[in-house]
Amino acid sequence: MTRLTMIATLAAVPLAAAIPAAVSAQAQASTVEPMVPATGTVLDVSAEGRTTRVPDVATIRAGVVSQATTAAAALADNAQRMNRVLAALKKAGVAPRDIATATVGLAPQYRYADNQPPAVTGYQATNSVSIRFRDVAKSGAILDALVAEGANQIDGPNLSIDQPDAALDEARADAVKRARARAEIYARSAGMRVSRIVSITENGENAGNPNPPVFMARAAMAKDSTQIVAGEKDVTVSVSVRFLLN
């Protein structure tokens, strides 16, 4: 369904005065089409066009959090487990171009007591990668495999449309159609008719912003596999259209 945001203004445009141009015997006369129609009434309409698409890309961040009494031990454990995670991604057929390091960190852990300075009790190492799944239906099963290989931190997914250009063009056409329909209503109400479009301005587009996470990853394997539901995304374009009424 298309939602519309409408702002309409009617303004009578006076007859433009003709201004003769002086030309010499060597100069050639020229004319310029006026930016504003010479006669008629101007109607400005703002509208939003909309279409929908099923997301075909899921981006998820998966990583490993390790804790140990020393920094070296935390990093070593983290690296070992992260290597297994990366191997699992490769085995699952995820292309290298769809895997990118997201965060790497090492931080001391403290114990706090009254009237005493904080005491370091150990270290926490983190490492996570951003994974782009081009088959959304299979991403849940791959996440389960990652958890089995040591991943204990998963965020996402962000669902998006890989190639939104065609959907955006549909939304643009819908926006102009809706604007024209509204212009016809205003024209009939004023006892006039729509003559033509004077100008079209695109005010913004939305190719499908990431959705909030639709699942919660488990820290351990359970009986049922993780399911990711793609749903639908709205693709929208807003325009301002100026019409000439007679």
Protein backbone atom coordinates (compact mmCIF):
# COMPACT_ATOMS: atom_id res chain seq x y z
CA MET A 1 0.00 0.00 0.00
CA THR A 2 1.27 3.46 -0.86
CA ARG A 3 1.30 6.12 1.85
CA LEU A 4 1.16 9.72 0.73
CA THR A 5 2.39 12.90 2.34
CA MET A 6 0.69 15.75 0.46
CA ILE A 7 1.34 19.49 0.42
CA ALA A 8 -0.59 21.35 -2.23
CA THR A 9 -0.55 25.07 -3.04
CA LEU A 10 -2.46 26.92 -5.71
CA ALA A 11 -0.92 30.07 -7.09
CA ALA A 12 -2.17 32.15 -9.99
CA VAL A 13 0.63 33.06 -12.35
CA PRO A 14 0.21 36.44 -14.13
CA LEU A 15 0.69 36.78 -17.84
CA ALA A 16 4.38 37.30 -18.52
CA ALA A 17 5.23 40.49 -20.35
CA ALA A 18 7.05 40.12 -23.62
CA ILE A 19 10.45 41.77 -23.57
CA PRO A 20 11.88 42.48 -27.03
CA ALA A 21 15.53 41.63 -27.48
CA ALA A 22 17.75 44.02 -29.39
CA VAL A 23 19.70 42.31 -32.08
CA SER A 24 22.27 43.74 -34.43
CA ALA A 25 22.70 42.90 -38.10
CA GLN A 26 25.54 40.54 -37.14
CA ALA A 27 23.71 38.90 -34.16
CA GLN A 28 21.18 36.10 -34.42
CA ALA A 29 17.97 36.37 -32.39
CA SER A 30 17.31 33.61 -29.82
CA THR A 31 14.46 32.70 -27.48
CA VAL A 32 14.53 31.00 -24.06
CA GLU A 33 11.67 28.90 -22.71
CA PRO A 34 10.46 30.53 -19.45
CA MET A 35 10.97 28.57 -16.24
CA VAL A 36 7.40 29.39 -15.09
CA PRO A 37 4.41 28.94 -17.40
CA ALA A 38 3.13 32.19 -18.89
CA THR A 39 -0.50 31.54 -17.99
CA GLY A 40 -2.35 29.19 -15.71
CA THR A 41 -2.40 28.07 -12.10
CA VAL A 42 0.48 26.20 -10.45
CA LEU A 43 -0.19 23.26 -8.13
CA ASP A 44 2.61 21.73 -6.02
CA VAL A 45 2.11 18.17 -4.76
CA SER A 46 4.42 16.10 -2.52
CA ALA A 47 3.96 12.33 -2.62
CA GLU A 48 5.65 9.14 -1.52
CA GLY A 49 5.79 6.06 -3.74
CA ARG A 50 6.26 2.61 -2.29
CA THR A 51 6.97 -0.96 -3.31
CA THR A 52 8.15 -4.04 -1.42
CA ARG A 53 10.89 -6.62 -1.79
CA VAL A 54 11.95 -9.74 0.11
CA PRO A 55 15.48 -9.14 1.48
CA ASP A 56 18.06 -11.38 -0.17
CA VAL A 57 21.14 -10.51 1.92
CA ALA A 58 21.67 -10.98 5.67
CA THR A 59 24.67 -9.41 7.41
CA ILE A 60 25.55 -10.88 10.80
CA ARG A 61 28.44 -10.33 13.18
CA ALA A 62 29.83 -13.42 14.87
CA GLY A 63 32.77 -13.63 17.20
CA VAL A 64 34.56 -15.13 20.15
CA VAL A 65 34.98 -13.76 23.66
CA SER A 66 37.74 -15.43 25.72
CA GLN A 67 38.81 -14.86 29.33
CA ALA A 68 42.02 -15.95 31.07
CA THR A 69 44.22 -14.91 33.95
CA THR A 70 46.86 -13.46 31.60
CA ALA A 71 46.63 -11.41 28.44
CA ALA A 72 48.68 -13.92 26.47
CA ALA A 73 46.47 -16.81 27.50
CA ALA A 74 43.28 -14.89 26.60
CA LEU A 75 44.63 -13.98 23.18
CA ALA A 76 45.86 -17.50 22.48
CA ASP A 77 42.52 -19.07 23.38
CA ASN A 78 40.68 -16.43 21.36
CA ALA A 79 42.85 -16.96 18.28
CA GLN A 80 42.44 -20.73 18.42
CA ARG A 81 38.67 -20.56 18.65
CA MET A 82 38.41 -17.84 16.00
CA ASN A 83 40.43 -19.95 13.58
CA ARG A 84 37.86 -22.71 13.98
CA VAL A 85 35.06 -20.22 13.31
CA LEU A 86 36.74 -19.01 10.11
CA ALA A 87 37.33 -22.59 8.99
CA ALA A 88 33.65 -23.36 9.56
CA LEU A 89 32.65 -20.40 7.39
CA LYS A 90 34.94 -21.57 4.62
CA LYS A 91 33.57 -25.11 4.87
CA ALA A 92 30.02 -23.74 4.64
CA GLY A 93 30.87 -22.07 1.34
CA VAL A 94 30.88 -18.44 2.46
CA ALA A 95 33.04 -16.50 -0.01
CA PRO A 96 36.11 -14.67 1.38
CA ARG A 97 34.78 -11.37 0.02
CA ASP A 98 31.75 -11.77 2.31
CA ILE A 99 33.84 -12.05 5.50
CA ALA A 100 35.51 -9.03 7.11
CA THR A 101 37.06 -8.46 10.53
CA ALA A 102 34.74 -6.27 12.58
CA THR A 103 36.41 -5.92 15.99
CA VAL A 104 39.55 -7.07 17.82
CA GLY A 105 40.01 -6.20 21.46
CA LEU A 106 41.84 -7.00 24.69
CA ALA A 107 40.86 -5.52 28.05
CA PRO A 108 41.72 -6.21 31.70
CA GLN A 109 39.00 -7.40 34.06
CA TYR A 110 38.80 -5.81 37.52
CA ARG A 111 37.52 -6.70 40.96
CA TYR A 112 36.17 -3.78 42.94
CA ALA A 113 36.05 -3.64 46.73
CA ASP A 114 35.16 -0.89 49.19
CA ASN A 115 38.03 1.46 50.08
CA GLN A 116 40.44 -0.48 47.88
CA PRO A 117 41.89 0.22 44.44
CA PRO A 118 40.59 -1.97 41.58
CA ALA A 119 42.48 -5.24 41.26
CA VAL A 120 43.11 -6.93 37.91
CA THR A 121 41.64 -10.43 37.98
CA GLY A 122 42.26 -11.42 34.37
CA TYR A 123 41.90 -10.40 30.74
CA GLN A 124 39.18 -10.59 28.13
CA ALA A 125 39.97 -10.95 24.44
CA THR A 126 37.39 -10.40 21.71
CA ASN A 127 37.43 -10.98 17.97
CA SER A 128 34.46 -10.78 15.62
CA VAL A 129 33.81 -10.85 11.89
CA SER A 130 31.05 -9.39 9.76
CA ILE A 131 29.52 -12.09 7.56
CA ARG A 132 27.33 -11.42 4.55
CA PHE A 133 24.99 -14.29 3.70
CA ARG A 134 23.63 -14.23 0.16
CA ASP A 135 21.30 -17.15 0.91
CA VAL A 136 19.25 -15.93 3.87
CA ALA A 137 17.52 -19.29 4.33
CA LYS A 138 20.84 -21.05 5.00
CA SER A 139 22.31 -18.45 7.35
CA GLY A 140 20.66 -19.87 10.48
CA ALA A 141 22.19 -23.31 9.97
CA ILE A 142 25.62 -21.75 9.40
CA LEU A 143 25.31 -19.79 12.64
CA ASP A 144 24.57 -23.01 14.50
CA ALA A 145 27.76 -24.48 13.05
CA LEU A 146 29.73 -21.42 14.17
CA VAL A 147 28.45 -21.78 17.72
CA ALA A 148 29.51 -25.43 17.69
CA GLU A 149 33.01 -24.33 16.67
CA GLY A 150 33.38 -21.80 19.49
CA ALA A 151 31.53 -18.63 18.51
CA ASN A 152 29.82 -17.25 21.61
CA GLN A 153 28.85 -13.76 20.46
CA ILE A 154 26.41 -13.16 17.58
CA ASP A 155 24.65 -9.91 16.63
CA GLY A 156 22.14 -9.32 13.87
CA PRO A 157 20.96 -9.97 11.31
CA ASN A 158 20.71 -6.82 9.23
CA LEU A 159 18.50 -7.73 6.29
CA SER A 160 18.88 -5.80 3.05
CA ILE A 161 18.26 -5.86 -0.70
CA ASP A 162 21.34 -6.59 -2.75
CA GLN A 163 20.28 -4.72 -5.92
CA PRO A 164 17.52 -2.22 -5.09
CA ASP A 165 17.63 -0.13 -8.31
CA ALA A 166 14.65 -1.80 -10.00
CA ALA A 167 12.58 -1.51 -6.81
CA LEU A 168 13.50 2.17 -6.45
CA ASP A 169 12.39 2.81 -10.05
CA GLU A 170 9.03 1.17 -9.26
CA ALA A 171 8.66 3.44 -6.23
CA ARG A 172 9.50 6.50 -8.36
CA ALA A 173 6.83 5.61 -10.92
CA ASP A 174 4.34 5.01 -8.12
CA ALA A 175 5.13 8.38 -6.53
CA VAL A 176 4.50 10.29 -9.77
CA LYS A 177 1.30 8.32 -10.36
CA ARG A 178 0.03 9.15 -6.89
CA ALA A 179 0.96 12.79 -7.28
CA ARG A 180 -0.90 12.98 -10.60
CA ALA A 181 -4.01 11.39 -9.08
CA ARG A 182 -4.03 13.95 -6.28
CA ALA A 183 -3.49 16.78 -8.72
CA GLU A 184 -6.57 15.63 -10.67
CA ILE A 185 -8.64 15.79 -7.49
CA TYR A 186 -7.52 19.35 -6.74
CA ALA A 187 -8.07 20.43 -10.33
CA ARG A 188 -11.63 19.05 -10.46
CA SER A 189 -12.44 20.63 -7.10
CA ALA A 190 -11.30 24.00 -8.46
CA GLY A 191 -13.21 23.60 -11.73
CA MET A 192 -9.99 23.21 -13.71
CA ARG A 193 -7.98 20.48 -15.41
CA VAL A 194 -4.37 19.33 -15.23
CA SER A 195 -2.54 20.65 -18.29
CA ARG A 196 0.96 19.23 -17.80
CA ILE A 197 3.82 18.63 -15.37
CA VAL A 198 6.14 21.59 -15.00
CA SER A 199 8.84 19.98 -12.83
CA ILE A 200 9.63 16.90 -10.73
CA THR A 201 12.05 16.93 -7.79
CA GLU A 202 13.16 13.80 -5.96
CA ASN A 203 13.38 14.53 -2.24
CA GLY A 204 14.75 11.25 -0.91
CA GLU A 205 14.79 7.47 -1.16
CA ASN A 206 14.92 4.47 1.13
CA ALA A 207 16.21 1.25 -0.41
CA GLY A 208 15.36 -0.76 2.69
CA ASN A 209 17.07 0.13 5.95
CA PRO A 210 18.32 -2.71 8.17
CA ASN A 211 15.64 -4.31 10.31
CA PRO A 212 16.09 -4.87 14.04
CA PRO A 213 17.37 -8.35 14.90
CA VAL A 214 14.68 -10.99 14.41
CA PHE A 215 16.37 -13.79 16.32
CA MET A 216 18.55 -14.39 19.35
CA ALA A 217 21.62 -16.57 18.95
CA ARG A 218 22.16 -19.38 21.43
CA ALA A 219 25.36 -19.81 23.37
CA ALA A 220 25.15 -23.57 22.90
CA MET A 221 23.59 -25.95 20.40
CA ALA A 222 19.95 -26.75 21.03
CA LYS A 223 17.63 -29.32 19.52
CA ASP A 224 16.11 -26.96 16.97
CA SER A 225 18.16 -24.98 14.47
CA THR A 226 18.20 -21.18 14.39
CA GLN A 227 15.67 -19.74 11.96
CA ILE A 228 15.98 -16.38 10.23
CA VAL A 229 12.82 -15.02 8.63
CA ALA A 230 13.40 -12.50 5.84
CA GLY A 231 9.92 -10.93 5.72
CA GLU A 232 9.50 -7.92 3.42
CA LYS A 233 11.10 -4.50 3.19
CA ASP A 234 9.52 -1.26 2.06
CA VAL A 235 11.35 0.60 -0.68
CA THR A 236 10.22 4.23 -0.88
CA VAL A 237 10.88 7.39 -2.88
CA SER A 238 9.45 10.84 -2.12
CA VAL A 239 8.96 13.45 -4.83
CA SER A 240 7.62 16.97 -5.29
CA VAL A 241 5.75 17.54 -8.54
CA ARG A 242 4.63 20.90 -9.93
CA PHE A 243 1.58 20.82 -12.22
CA LEU A 244 0.09 23.48 -14.50
CA LEU A 245 -3.69 23.78 -14.24
CA ASN A 246 -5.95 25.47 -16.80
